Amino acid sequence: MLCGETGCGKTTQVPQFLLEAGYGCPDFPERAGALCVTQPRRVAAISTAERVAAELGVKLGTTVGYQVGGRAGSRPRGRID
C-alpha cells in the first residue's frame, strides 16, 4: 500500500516502474504475480488503465488491463490490473 500526495504518480507511474523492474513478469518467477491499482469509480478505473497503456505504448488488454465490478466480460486482462 502506498500513501502520497495527490498527483505524485501513485496510480500511473509506480506500476510502470514496478513493471520495468520485472514485477508481474513471468520471466522473473521471484517477482511473479500481478500489479493491481484500485480506483473508487468505474470511469476512473477505465481511464487510468487507458492512460497507463498509452504511456507504455501498448494496447489496452495486453500488458495493462482493468476489471470493473467483478464482471468477466468487462475486463481486458494484463500484467497491470
Protein backbone atom coordinates (compact mmCIF):
# COMPACT_ATOMS: atom_id res chain seq x y z
CA MET A 1 0.00 0.00 0.00
CA LEU A 2 1.28 3.46 -0.91
CA CYS A 3 0.40 6.83 0.54
CA GLY A 4 1.33 10.06 -1.16
CA GLU A 5 0.17 13.48 -2.22
CA THR A 6 -2.39 13.90 -4.97
CA GLY A 7 -0.71 13.85 -8.37
CA CYS A 8 2.57 12.27 -7.22
CA GLY A 9 2.25 9.22 -9.54
CA LYS A 10 0.94 6.52 -7.21
CA THR A 11 -1.62 5.36 -9.76
CA THR A 12 0.16 5.81 -13.08
CA GLN A 13 3.92 5.98 -12.51
CA VAL A 14 4.62 3.48 -9.71
CA PRO A 15 3.01 0.50 -11.53
CA GLN A 16 5.11 1.29 -14.61
CA PHE A 17 8.31 1.44 -12.52
CA LEU A 18 7.49 -1.91 -10.92
CA LEU A 19 6.70 -3.50 -14.31
CA GLU A 20 10.00 -2.22 -15.73
CA ALA A 21 11.78 -3.71 -12.67
CA GLY A 22 10.34 -7.13 -13.55
CA TYR A 23 7.41 -7.34 -11.14
CA GLY A 24 4.39 -9.10 -12.62
CA CYS A 25 6.59 -10.62 -15.33
CA PRO A 26 6.61 -14.39 -15.90
CA ASP A 27 10.30 -14.17 -16.84
CA PHE A 28 11.10 -13.44 -13.16
CA PRO A 29 9.44 -16.16 -11.02
CA GLU A 30 10.61 -14.47 -7.81
CA ARG A 31 8.58 -11.41 -8.85
CA ALA A 32 5.61 -13.29 -10.32
CA GLY A 33 2.04 -12.17 -9.83
CA ALA A 34 0.18 -9.10 -10.96
CA LEU A 35 0.30 -5.42 -10.16
CA CYS A 36 -3.01 -4.01 -9.04
CA VAL A 37 -4.25 -0.44 -8.75
CA THR A 38 -7.68 0.24 -7.25
CA GLN A 39 -9.99 3.09 -8.13
CA PRO A 40 -13.29 4.00 -6.44
CA ARG A 41 -15.25 4.56 -9.65
CA ARG A 42 -15.76 2.69 -12.93
CA VAL A 43 -14.76 5.67 -15.08
CA ALA A 44 -11.59 6.24 -13.04
CA ALA A 45 -10.57 2.57 -13.37
CA ILE A 46 -11.02 2.53 -17.14
CA SER A 47 -9.41 5.92 -17.79
CA THR A 48 -6.44 5.02 -15.57
CA ALA A 49 -5.91 1.76 -17.47
CA GLU A 50 -6.16 3.60 -20.80
CA ARG A 51 -3.64 6.21 -19.68
CA VAL A 52 -1.09 3.70 -18.36
CA ALA A 53 -1.42 1.62 -21.54
CA ALA A 54 -0.87 4.74 -23.66
CA GLU A 55 2.17 5.77 -21.60
CA LEU A 56 3.65 2.28 -22.00
CA GLY A 57 2.83 2.26 -25.71
CA VAL A 58 0.80 -0.96 -25.51
CA LYS A 59 -2.73 -1.93 -26.47
CA LEU A 60 -5.22 -1.99 -23.59
CA GLY A 61 -5.89 -5.60 -22.65
CA THR A 62 -2.36 -6.86 -23.30
CA THR A 63 0.09 -5.64 -20.66
CA VAL A 64 -2.43 -3.33 -19.00
CA GLY A 65 -5.99 -4.32 -18.19
CA TYR A 66 -8.86 -3.46 -15.89
CA GLN A 67 -11.71 -5.12 -14.07
CA VAL A 68 -14.97 -3.40 -13.15
CA GLY A 69 -17.37 -4.89 -10.64
CA GLY A 70 -16.00 -8.42 -10.97
CA ARG A 71 -17.72 -8.92 -14.33
CA ALA A 72 -15.68 -11.22 -16.51
CA GLY A 73 -16.90 -9.60 -19.74
CA SER A 74 -15.77 -6.13 -18.77
CA ARG A 75 -12.10 -6.67 -18.26
CA PRO A 76 -9.26 -6.85 -20.66
CA ARG A 77 -6.55 -8.52 -18.54
CA GLY A 78 -2.89 -7.68 -18.33
CA ARG A 79 0.08 -7.71 -16.02
CA ILE A 80 -1.06 -4.39 -14.53
CA ASP A 81 -4.72 -4.59 -13.48
